[in-house]
Amino acid sequence: KEIISSDPSALCKIENIVHPLVAQDRAAFRQNAKSD
């Protein structure tokens, strides 16, 4: 949070790493979910 507050470009760099990983997890959940 301190890095993001002090470096305006940090958030974008973090998102470029984290968002694809989150999307992969979301796809795996969708594929394995059982509920209607």
All heavy atoms as atom14 arrays in JSON, in Angstrom:
{
  "sequence": "KEIISSDPSALCKIENIVHPLVAQDRAAFRQNAKSD",
  "atom14_mask": [
    [1, 1, 1, 1, 1, 1, 1, 1, 1, 0, 0, 0, 0, 0],
    [1, 1, 1, 1, 1, 1, 1, 1, 1, 0, 0, 0, 0, 0],
    [1, 1, 1, 1, 1, 1, 1, 1, 0, 0, 0, 0, 0, 0],
    [1, 1, 1, 1, 1, 1, 1, 1, 0, 0, 0, 0, 0, 0],
    [1, 1, 1, 1, 1, 1, 0, 0, 0, 0, 0, 0, 0, 0],
    [1, 1, 1, 1, 1, 1, 0, 0, 0, 0, 0, 0, 0, 0],
    [1, 1, 1, 1, 1, 1, 1, 1, 0, 0, 0, 0, 0, 0],
    [1, 1, 1, 1, 1, 1, 1, 0, 0, 0, 0, 0, 0, 0],
    [1, 1, 1, 1, 1, 1, 0, 0, 0, 0, 0, 0, 0, 0],
    [1, 1, 1, 1, 1, 0, 0, 0, 0, 0, 0, 0, 0, 0],
    [1, 1, 1, 1, 1, 1, 1, 1, 0, 0, 0, 0, 0, 0],
    [1, 1, 1, 1, 1, 1, 0, 0, 0, 0, 0, 0, 0, 0],
    [1, 1, 1, 1, 1, 1, 1, 1, 1, 0, 0, 0, 0, 0],
    [1, 1, 1, 1, 1, 1, 1, 1, 0, 0, 0, 0, 0, 0],
    [1, 1, 1, 1, 1, 1, 1, 1, 1, 0, 0, 0, 0, 0],
    [1, 1, 1, 1, 1, 1, 1, 1, 0, 0, 0, 0, 0, 0],
    [1, 1, 1, 1, 1, 1, 1, 1, 0, 0, 0, 0, 0, 0],
    [1, 1, 1, 1, 1, 1, 1, 0, 0, 0, 0, 0, 0, 0],
    [1, 1, 1, 1, 1, 1, 1, 1, 1, 1, 0, 0, 0, 0],
    [1, 1, 1, 1, 1, 1, 1, 0, 0, 0, 0, 0, 0, 0],
    [1, 1, 1, 1, 1, 1, 1, 1, 0, 0, 0, 0, 0, 0],
    [1, 1, 1, 1, 1, 1, 1, 0, 0, 0, 0, 0, 0, 0],
    [1, 1, 1, 1, 1, 0, 0, 0, 0, 0, 0, 0, 0, 0],
    [1, 1, 1, 1, 1, 1, 1, 1, 1, 0, 0, 0, 0, 0],
    [1, 1, 1, 1, 1, 1, 1, 1, 0, 0, 0, 0, 0, 0],
    [1, 1, 1, 1, 1, 1, 1, 1, 1, 1, 1, 0, 0, 0],
    [1, 1, 1, 1, 1, 0, 0, 0, 0, 0, 0, 0, 0, 0],
    [1, 1, 1, 1, 1, 0, 0, 0, 0, 0, 0, 0, 0, 0],
    [1, 1, 1, 1, 1, 1, 1, 1, 1, 1, 1, 0, 0, 0],
    [1, 1, 1, 1, 1, 1, 1, 1, 1, 1, 1, 0, 0, 0],
    [1, 1, 1, 1, 1, 1, 1, 1, 1, 0, 0, 0, 0, 0],
    [1, 1, 1, 1, 1, 1, 1, 1, 0, 0, 0, 0, 0, 0],
    [1, 1, 1, 1, 1, 0, 0, 0, 0, 0, 0, 0, 0, 0],
    [1, 1, 1, 1, 1, 1, 1, 1, 1, 0, 0, 0, 0, 0],
    [1, 1, 1, 1, 1, 1, 0, 0, 0, 0, 0, 0, 0, 0],
    [1, 1, 1, 1, 1, 1, 1, 1, 0, 0, 0, 0, 0, 0]
  ],
  "atom14_positions": [
    [[0.83, -1.21, 0.0], [0.0, 0.0, 0.0], [0.87, 1.26, 0.0], [0.56, 2.24, -0.68], [-0.94, 0.02, 1.21], [-2.09, -0.95, 1.11], [-2.91, -0.91, 2.4], [-3.94, -2.0, 2.43], [-4.7, -2.02, 3.69], [0.0, 0.0, 0.0], [0.0, 0.0, 0.0], [0.0, 0.0, 0.0], [0.0, 0.0, 0.0], [0.0, 0.0, 0.0]],
    [[1.96, 1.24, 0.77], [2.88, 2.38, 0.81], [3.52, 2.6, -0.56], [3.66, 3.75, -1.01], [3.96, 2.16, 1.87], [3.44, 2.21, 3.28], [4.45, 1.73, 4.32], [5.61, 1.39, 3.96], [4.08, 1.68, 5.5], [0.0, 0.0, 0.0], [0.0, 0.0, 0.0], [0.0, 0.0, 0.0], [0.0, 0.0, 0.0], [0.0, 0.0, 0.0]],
    [[3.91, 1.52, -1.22], [4.51, 1.63, -2.55], [3.5, 2.22, -3.53], [3.82, 3.12, -4.31], [5.01, 0.24, -3.02], [6.22, -0.19, -2.19], [5.35, 0.26, -4.51], [6.62, -1.65, -2.37], [0.0, 0.0, 0.0], [0.0, 0.0, 0.0], [0.0, 0.0, 0.0], [0.0, 0.0, 0.0], [0.0, 0.0, 0.0], [0.0, 0.0, 0.0]],
    [[2.28, 1.73, -3.49], [1.23, 2.24, -4.39], [0.97, 3.72, -4.12], [0.8, 4.5, -5.06], [-0.06, 1.41, -4.23], [0.17, 0.0, -4.77], [-1.24, 2.08, -4.92], [-0.93, -0.99, -4.42], [0.0, 0.0, 0.0], [0.0, 0.0, 0.0], [0.0, 0.0, 0.0], [0.0, 0.0, 0.0], [0.0, 0.0, 0.0], [0.0, 0.0, 0.0]],
    [[0.97, 4.11, -2.85], [0.74, 5.52, -2.51], [1.85, 6.42, -2.99], [1.61, 7.57, -3.36], [0.58, 5.68, -0.99], [-0.6, 5.07, -0.56], [0.0, 0.0, 0.0], [0.0, 0.0, 0.0], [0.0, 0.0, 0.0], [0.0, 0.0, 0.0], [0.0, 0.0, 0.0], [0.0, 0.0, 0.0], [0.0, 0.0, 0.0], [0.0, 0.0, 0.0]],
    [[3.08, 5.9, -3.01], [4.21, 6.77, -3.37], [4.62, 6.68, -4.84], [5.32, 7.55, -5.33], [5.43, 6.42, -2.49], [5.88, 5.11, -2.78], [0.0, 0.0, 0.0], [0.0, 0.0, 0.0], [0.0, 0.0, 0.0], [0.0, 0.0, 0.0], [0.0, 0.0, 0.0], [0.0, 0.0, 0.0], [0.0, 0.0, 0.0], [0.0, 0.0, 0.0]],
    [[4.18, 5.64, -5.55], [4.57, 5.45, -6.94], [3.32, 5.27, -7.79], [2.71, 4.19, -7.79], [5.49, 4.24, -7.06], [5.9, 3.93, -8.49], [5.48, 4.65, -9.43], [6.63, 2.94, -8.68], [0.0, 0.0, 0.0], [0.0, 0.0, 0.0], [0.0, 0.0, 0.0], [0.0, 0.0, 0.0], [0.0, 0.0, 0.0], [0.0, 0.0, 0.0]],
    [[2.92, 6.27, -8.55], [1.69, 6.18, -9.35], [1.68, 5.03, -10.36], [0.62, 4.54, -10.73], [1.63, 7.52, -10.08], [2.5, 8.43, -9.3], [3.56, 7.57, -8.66], [0.0, 0.0, 0.0], [0.0, 0.0, 0.0], [0.0, 0.0, 0.0], [0.0, 0.0, 0.0], [0.0, 0.0, 0.0], [0.0, 0.0, 0.0], [0.0, 0.0, 0.0]],
    [[2.83, 4.57, -10.79], [2.87, 3.49, -11.78], [2.82, 2.1, -11.14], [2.64, 1.1, -11.84], [4.14, 3.61, -12.63], [5.29, 3.31, -11.85], [0.0, 0.0, 0.0], [0.0, 0.0, 0.0], [0.0, 0.0, 0.0], [0.0, 0.0, 0.0], [0.0, 0.0, 0.0], [0.0, 0.0, 0.0], [0.0, 0.0, 0.0], [0.0, 0.0, 0.0]],
    [[2.97, 2.02, -9.84], [3.06, 0.72, -9.16], [1.78, -0.09, -9.29], [1.83, -1.3, -9.53], [3.41, 0.91, -7.69], [0.0, 0.0, 0.0], [0.0, 0.0, 0.0], [0.0, 0.0, 0.0], [0.0, 0.0, 0.0], [0.0, 0.0, 0.0], [0.0, 0.0, 0.0], [0.0, 0.0, 0.0], [0.0, 0.0, 0.0], [0.0, 0.0, 0.0]],
    [[0.64, 0.54, -9.15], [-0.62, -0.2, -9.18], [-0.8, -0.91, -10.52], [-1.18, -2.09, -10.55], [-1.81, 0.72, -8.91], [-3.17, 0.04, -8.88], [-3.22, -1.03, -7.79], [-4.28, 1.06, -8.68], [0.0, 0.0, 0.0], [0.0, 0.0, 0.0], [0.0, 0.0, 0.0], [0.0, 0.0, 0.0], [0.0, 0.0, 0.0], [0.0, 0.0, 0.0]],
    [[-0.52, -0.24, -11.6], [-0.65, -0.85, -12.92], [0.29, -2.05, -13.05], [-0.09, -3.1, -13.6], [-0.37, 0.18, -14.0], [-0.64, -0.45, -15.66], [0.0, 0.0, 0.0], [0.0, 0.0, 0.0], [0.0, 0.0, 0.0], [0.0, 0.0, 0.0], [0.0, 0.0, 0.0], [0.0, 0.0, 0.0], [0.0, 0.0, 0.0], [0.0, 0.0, 0.0]],
    [[1.5, -1.93, -12.55], [2.46, -3.04, -12.61], [1.96, -4.23, -11.8], [2.08, -5.38, -12.23], [3.83, -2.58, -12.09], [4.5, -1.56, -12.98], [5.78, -1.04, -12.33], [6.39, 0.08, -13.16], [7.55, 0.69, -12.5], [0.0, 0.0, 0.0], [0.0, 0.0, 0.0], [0.0, 0.0, 0.0], [0.0, 0.0, 0.0], [0.0, 0.0, 0.0]],
    [[1.41, -3.95, -10.63], [0.88, -5.02, -9.78], [-0.31, -5.69, -10.47], [-0.41, -6.92, -10.51], [0.49, -4.46, -8.4], [1.74, -3.99, -7.65], [-0.29, -5.49, -7.58], [1.46, -3.1, -6.47], [0.0, 0.0, 0.0], [0.0, 0.0, 0.0], [0.0, 0.0, 0.0], [0.0, 0.0, 0.0], [0.0, 0.0, 0.0], [0.0, 0.0, 0.0]],
    [[-1.2, -4.89, -11.0], [-2.38, -5.44, -11.69], [-1.98, -6.3, -12.88], [-2.63, -7.32, -13.15], [-3.3, -4.31, -12.13], [-4.02, -3.65, -10.97], [-4.84, -2.44, -11.38], [-4.63, -1.89, -12.49], [-5.72, -2.05, -10.58], [0.0, 0.0, 0.0], [0.0, 0.0, 0.0], [0.0, 0.0, 0.0], [0.0, 0.0, 0.0], [0.0, 0.0, 0.0]],
    [[-0.93, -5.92, -13.6], [-0.48, -6.71, -14.74], [0.02, -8.08, -14.33], [0.03, -9.01, -15.13], [0.6, -5.96, -15.53], [0.04, -4.81, -16.33], [-1.14, -4.78, -16.65], [0.88, -3.84, -16.64], [0.0, 0.0, 0.0], [0.0, 0.0, 0.0], [0.0, 0.0, 0.0], [0.0, 0.0, 0.0], [0.0, 0.0, 0.0], [0.0, 0.0, 0.0]],
    [[0.45, -8.21, -13.1], [0.87, -9.5, -12.56], [-0.32, -10.26, -11.99], [-0.54, -11.44, -12.29], [1.94, -9.31, -11.46], [3.24, -8.79, -12.08], [2.17, -10.6, -10.68], [4.25, -8.29, -11.06], [0.0, 0.0, 0.0], [0.0, 0.0, 0.0], [0.0, 0.0, 0.0], [0.0, 0.0, 0.0], [0.0, 0.0, 0.0], [0.0, 0.0, 0.0]],
    [[-1.1, -9.59, -11.18], [-2.14, -10.26, -10.39], [-3.39, -10.58, -11.21], [-3.96, -11.68, -11.08], [-2.48, -9.43, -9.14], [-3.63, -10.04, -8.36], [-1.25, -9.3, -8.25], [0.0, 0.0, 0.0], [0.0, 0.0, 0.0], [0.0, 0.0, 0.0], [0.0, 0.0, 0.0], [0.0, 0.0, 0.0], [0.0, 0.0, 0.0], [0.0, 0.0, 0.0]],
    [[-3.83, -9.68, -12.06], [-5.1, -9.9, -12.77], [-5.12, -11.17, -13.62], [-6.11, -11.91, -13.58], [-5.48, -8.68, -13.59], [-5.97, -7.54, -12.75], [-6.47, -6.38, -13.29], [-6.04, -7.38, -11.41], [-6.82, -5.56, -12.32], [-6.57, -6.14, -11.18], [0.0, 0.0, 0.0], [0.0, 0.0, 0.0], [0.0, 0.0, 0.0], [0.0, 0.0, 0.0]],
    [[-4.06, -11.48, -14.37], [-4.08, -12.74, -15.12], [-4.15, -13.97, -14.21], [-4.81, -14.97, -14.55], [-2.78, -12.72, -15.93], [-2.42, -11.28, -16.03], [-2.9, -10.65, -14.75], [0.0, 0.0, 0.0], [0.0, 0.0, 0.0], [0.0, 0.0, 0.0], [0.0, 0.0, 0.0], [0.0, 0.0, 0.0], [0.0, 0.0, 0.0], [0.0, 0.0, 0.0]],
    [[-3.47, -13.92, -13.06], [-3.52, -15.03, -12.12], [-4.93, -15.2, -11.54], [-5.42, -16.32, -11.37], [-2.5, -14.82, -11.0], [-1.03, -14.81, -11.43], [-0.15, -14.36, -10.27], [-0.61, -16.16, -11.95], [0.0, 0.0, 0.0], [0.0, 0.0, 0.0], [0.0, 0.0, 0.0], [0.0, 0.0, 0.0], [0.0, 0.0, 0.0], [0.0, 0.0, 0.0]],
    [[-5.56, -14.1, -11.25], [-6.93, -14.13, -10.73], [-7.88, -14.69, -11.8], [-8.76, -15.51, -11.51], [-7.37, -12.73, -10.26], [-8.86, -12.68, -9.95], [-6.56, -12.29, -9.05], [0.0, 0.0, 0.0], [0.0, 0.0, 0.0], [0.0, 0.0, 0.0], [0.0, 0.0, 0.0], [0.0, 0.0, 0.0], [0.0, 0.0, 0.0], [0.0, 0.0, 0.0]],
    [[-7.69, -14.27, -13.05], [-8.54, -14.76, -14.14], [-8.39, -16.27, -14.31], [-9.38, -16.97, -14.56], [-8.2, -14.03, -15.43], [0.0, 0.0, 0.0], [0.0, 0.0, 0.0], [0.0, 0.0, 0.0], [0.0, 0.0, 0.0], [0.0, 0.0, 0.0], [0.0, 0.0, 0.0], [0.0, 0.0, 0.0], [0.0, 0.0, 0.0], [0.0, 0.0, 0.0]],
    [[-7.19, -16.78, -14.17], [-6.97, -18.23, -14.26], [-7.73, -18.96, -13.15], [-8.36, -20.0, -13.39], [-5.48, -18.56, -14.15], [-4.67, -18.18, -15.36], [-3.17, -18.35, -15.12], [-2.72, -18.74, -14.04], [-2.38, -18.06, -16.14], [0.0, 0.0, 0.0], [0.0, 0.0, 0.0], [0.0, 0.0, 0.0], [0.0, 0.0, 0.0], [0.0, 0.0, 0.0]],
    [[-7.67, -18.44, -11.95], [-8.37, -19.05, -10.82], [-9.88, -19.02, -11.04], [-10.58, -20.0, -10.77], [-7.99, -18.33, -9.52], [-8.45, -19.08, -8.3], [-9.62, -18.91, -7.89], [-7.64, -19.86, -7.75], [0.0, 0.0, 0.0], [0.0, 0.0, 0.0], [0.0, 0.0, 0.0], [0.0, 0.0, 0.0], [0.0, 0.0, 0.0], [0.0, 0.0, 0.0]],
    [[-10.38, -17.91, -11.55], [-11.82, -17.76, -11.8], [-12.27, -18.78, -12.86], [-13.32, -19.41, -12.72], [-12.14, -16.34, -12.25], [-13.61, -16.07, -12.43], [-13.93, -14.6, -12.65], [-13.3, -14.05, -13.82], [-12.45, -13.01, -13.81], [-12.15, -12.39, -12.68], [-11.94, -12.56, -14.92], [0.0, 0.0, 0.0], [0.0, 0.0, 0.0], [0.0, 0.0, 0.0]],
    [[-11.47, -18.99, -13.89], [-11.81, -19.96, -14.93], [-11.84, -21.38, -14.36], [-12.73, -22.17, -14.69], [-10.83, -19.86, -16.09], [0.0, 0.0, 0.0], [0.0, 0.0, 0.0], [0.0, 0.0, 0.0], [0.0, 0.0, 0.0], [0.0, 0.0, 0.0], [0.0, 0.0, 0.0], [0.0, 0.0, 0.0], [0.0, 0.0, 0.0], [0.0, 0.0, 0.0]],
    [[-10.89, -21.69, -13.5], [-10.85, -23.02, -12.88], [-12.08, -23.23, -11.99], [-12.68, -24.32, -11.98], [-9.56, -23.2, -12.07], [0.0, 0.0, 0.0], [0.0, 0.0, 0.0], [0.0, 0.0, 0.0], [0.0, 0.0, 0.0], [0.0, 0.0, 0.0], [0.0, 0.0, 0.0], [0.0, 0.0, 0.0], [0.0, 0.0, 0.0], [0.0, 0.0, 0.0]],
    [[-12.47, -22.21, -11.24], [-13.67, -22.29, -10.4], [-14.89, -22.57, -11.27], [-15.7, -23.46, -10.97], [-13.86, -20.99, -9.62], [-15.21, -20.85, -8.97], [-15.47, -21.45, -7.74], [-16.23, -20.15, -9.6], [-16.72, -21.34, -7.15], [-17.48, -20.04, -9.01], [-17.73, -20.63, -7.79], [0.0, 0.0, 0.0], [0.0, 0.0, 0.0], [0.0, 0.0, 0.0]],
    [[-15.03, -21.82, -12.33], [-16.19, -21.96, -13.21], [-16.26, -23.39, -13.76], [-17.32, -23.99, -13.83], [-16.11, -20.94, -14.34], [-17.3, -20.99, -15.28], [-17.25, -19.89, -16.31], [-17.86, -18.7, -15.72], [-17.42, -17.46, -15.89], [-16.38, -17.23, -16.62], [-18.03, -16.46, -15.33], [0.0, 0.0, 0.0], [0.0, 0.0, 0.0], [0.0, 0.0, 0.0]],
    [[-15.13, -23.92, -14.14], [-15.07, -25.26, -14.72], [-15.43, -26.35, -13.7], [-16.04, -27.35, -14.05], [-13.68, -25.52, -15.28], [-13.54, -26.84, -15.99], [-12.17, -27.0, -16.63], [-11.36, -26.09, -16.65], [-11.91, -28.18, -17.16], [0.0, 0.0, 0.0], [0.0, 0.0, 0.0], [0.0, 0.0, 0.0], [0.0, 0.0, 0.0], [0.0, 0.0, 0.0]],
    [[-15.09, -26.14, -12.42], [-15.27, -27.16, -11.4], [-16.49, -26.97, -10.52], [-16.79, -27.84, -9.69], [-14.01, -27.25, -10.53], [-12.81, -27.67, -11.34], [-12.88, -28.61, -12.11], [-11.71, -26.96, -11.18], [0.0, 0.0, 0.0], [0.0, 0.0, 0.0], [0.0, 0.0, 0.0], [0.0, 0.0, 0.0], [0.0, 0.0, 0.0], [0.0, 0.0, 0.0]],
    [[-17.2, -25.87, -10.63], [-18.34, -25.58, -9.76], [-19.49, -26.54, -10.03], [-19.66, -27.03, -11.15], [-18.78, -24.13, -9.95], [0.0, 0.0, 0.0], [0.0, 0.0, 0.0], [0.0, 0.0, 0.0], [0.0, 0.0, 0.0], [0.0, 0.0, 0.0], [0.0, 0.0, 0.0], [0.0, 0.0, 0.0], [0.0, 0.0, 0.0], [0.0, 0.0, 0.0]],
    [[-20.29, -26.79, -9.01], [-21.39, -27.77, -9.1], [-22.79, -27.14, -8.99], [-23.76, -27.76, -9.37], [-21.24, -28.82, -7.98], [-19.9, -29.51, -7.92], [-19.71, -30.44, -9.08], [-18.41, -31.22, -8.92], [-17.59, -31.22, -10.09], [0.0, 0.0, 0.0], [0.0, 0.0, 0.0], [0.0, 0.0, 0.0], [0.0, 0.0, 0.0], [0.0, 0.0, 0.0]],
    [[-22.91, -25.96, -8.45], [-24.21, -25.35, -8.19], [-24.88, -24.88, -9.48], [-24.22, -24.65, -10.49], [-24.03, -24.15, -7.25], [-25.25, -23.48, -7.06], [0.0, 0.0, 0.0], [0.0, 0.0, 0.0], [0.0, 0.0, 0.0], [0.0, 0.0, 0.0], [0.0, 0.0, 0.0], [0.0, 0.0, 0.0], [0.0, 0.0, 0.0], [0.0, 0.0, 0.0]],
    [[-26.2, -24.72, -9.41], [-26.94, -24.18, -10.55], [-26.7, -22.68, -10.71], [-26.86, -22.14, -11.81], [-28.44, -24.47, -10.43], [-29.09, -23.84, -9.2], [-28.38, -23.6, -8.19], [-30.31, -23.61, -9.23], [0.0, 0.0, 0.0], [0.0, 0.0, 0.0], [0.0, 0.0, 0.0], [0.0, 0.0, 0.0], [0.0, 0.0, 0.0], [0.0, 0.0, 0.0]]
  ]
}
